[in-house]
């Protein structure tokens, strides 16, 4: 799944697009198998480049997420280890 339906209006892609545009980023630090990370539902300090929580309606979110450097995310049902990107 490449969108975050339970995040702010417009989905997670819009949230990642917004934080990337606001901070003039062309990439974010991935949260996938290359970073040995598990999925998260708390964006208070993630991604590393800036807290996505300011772009979300709810934090923590109902579901868990992993993302690739492009900001494209994958919805997970638990804190399982993130699969390899890209998504």
Protein backbone atom coordinates (compact mmCIF):
# COMPACT_ATOMS: atom_id res chain seq x y z
CA UNK A 1 0.00 0.00 0.00
CA UNK A 2 1.53 3.31 -0.96
CA UNK A 3 -0.62 5.75 0.93
CA UNK A 4 -1.32 6.43 4.57
CA UNK A 5 -5.13 6.59 4.73
CA UNK A 6 -5.42 7.25 8.46
CA UNK A 7 -3.13 10.28 8.38
CA UNK A 8 -4.05 13.86 7.59
CA UNK A 9 -6.40 14.67 4.74
CA UNK A 10 -4.74 13.84 1.44
CA UNK A 11 -3.01 10.78 2.87
CA UNK A 12 0.51 10.18 4.02
CA UNK A 13 2.04 10.93 0.68
CA UNK A 14 0.70 14.47 1.04
CA UNK A 15 2.22 14.69 4.54
CA UNK A 16 5.61 13.51 3.29
CA UNK A 17 5.35 15.80 0.25
CA UNK A 18 4.58 18.74 2.55
CA UNK A 19 7.47 18.18 4.96
CA UNK A 20 9.84 17.62 2.04
CA UNK A 21 8.69 20.81 0.29
CA UNK A 22 8.73 22.91 3.47
CA UNK A 23 12.30 21.83 4.21
CA UNK A 24 13.55 21.81 0.57
CA UNK A 25 14.33 18.08 0.78
CA UNK A 26 14.75 15.77 -2.19
CA UNK A 27 14.90 12.70 0.06
CA UNK A 28 14.26 11.60 3.64
CA UNK A 29 16.04 9.00 5.71
CA UNK A 30 14.40 5.68 4.85
CA UNK A 31 12.73 3.49 7.43
CA UNK A 32 13.08 0.12 5.70
CA UNK A 33 15.16 -3.04 5.95
CA UNK A 34 18.34 -1.14 5.05
CA UNK A 35 18.03 0.84 8.28
CA UNK A 36 17.10 -2.29 10.28
CA UNK A 37 14.01 -0.49 11.50
CA UNK A 38 10.64 -1.73 12.57
CA UNK A 39 7.43 -0.04 11.48
CA UNK A 40 6.28 2.91 13.57
CA UNK A 41 3.05 4.68 14.41
CA UNK A 42 4.66 7.62 16.23
CA UNK A 43 5.97 10.49 14.14
CA UNK A 44 6.99 12.85 16.96
CA UNK A 45 10.63 12.65 15.89
CA UNK A 46 10.38 10.96 12.49
CA UNK A 47 11.54 11.14 9.82
CA UNK A 48 14.98 12.24 10.96
CA UNK A 49 14.73 15.40 8.86
CA UNK A 50 11.74 16.72 10.88
CA UNK A 51 8.72 15.59 12.85
CA UNK A 52 5.96 14.47 10.50
CA UNK A 53 3.51 14.77 13.43
CA UNK A 54 2.96 18.45 12.64
CA UNK A 55 1.43 17.38 9.32
CA UNK A 56 -0.83 14.66 10.77
CA UNK A 57 -4.30 14.77 12.22
CA UNK A 58 -3.48 12.05 14.79
CA UNK A 59 -0.21 10.96 16.33
CA UNK A 60 0.31 8.18 17.10
CA UNK A 61 -1.50 6.75 14.11
CA UNK A 62 -3.78 3.71 14.11
CA UNK A 63 -1.52 1.73 11.77
CA UNK A 64 2.24 1.39 11.51
CA UNK A 65 4.39 2.58 8.61
CA UNK A 66 7.70 2.12 6.85
CA UNK A 67 8.93 4.46 4.11
CA UNK A 68 11.52 4.83 1.43
CA UNK A 69 13.82 7.79 0.75
CA UNK A 70 11.25 9.24 -1.68
CA UNK A 71 8.68 9.53 1.13
CA UNK A 72 6.56 6.78 -0.38
CA UNK A 73 5.23 4.72 2.52
CA UNK A 74 3.95 1.22 3.20
CA UNK A 75 1.23 0.55 5.75
CA UNK A 76 1.86 -2.25 8.24
CA UNK A 77 -0.46 -3.83 10.81
CA UNK A 78 2.17 -4.12 13.54
CA UNK A 79 5.72 -3.16 14.44
CA UNK A 80 7.20 -5.86 12.21
CA UNK A 81 10.59 -5.23 10.65
CA UNK A 82 10.16 -3.07 7.58
CA UNK A 83 10.56 -4.81 4.22
CA UNK A 84 13.13 -3.71 1.68
CA UNK A 85 12.25 -0.64 -0.35
CA UNK A 86 11.57 0.93 -2.67
CA UNK A 87 7.83 0.94 -2.12
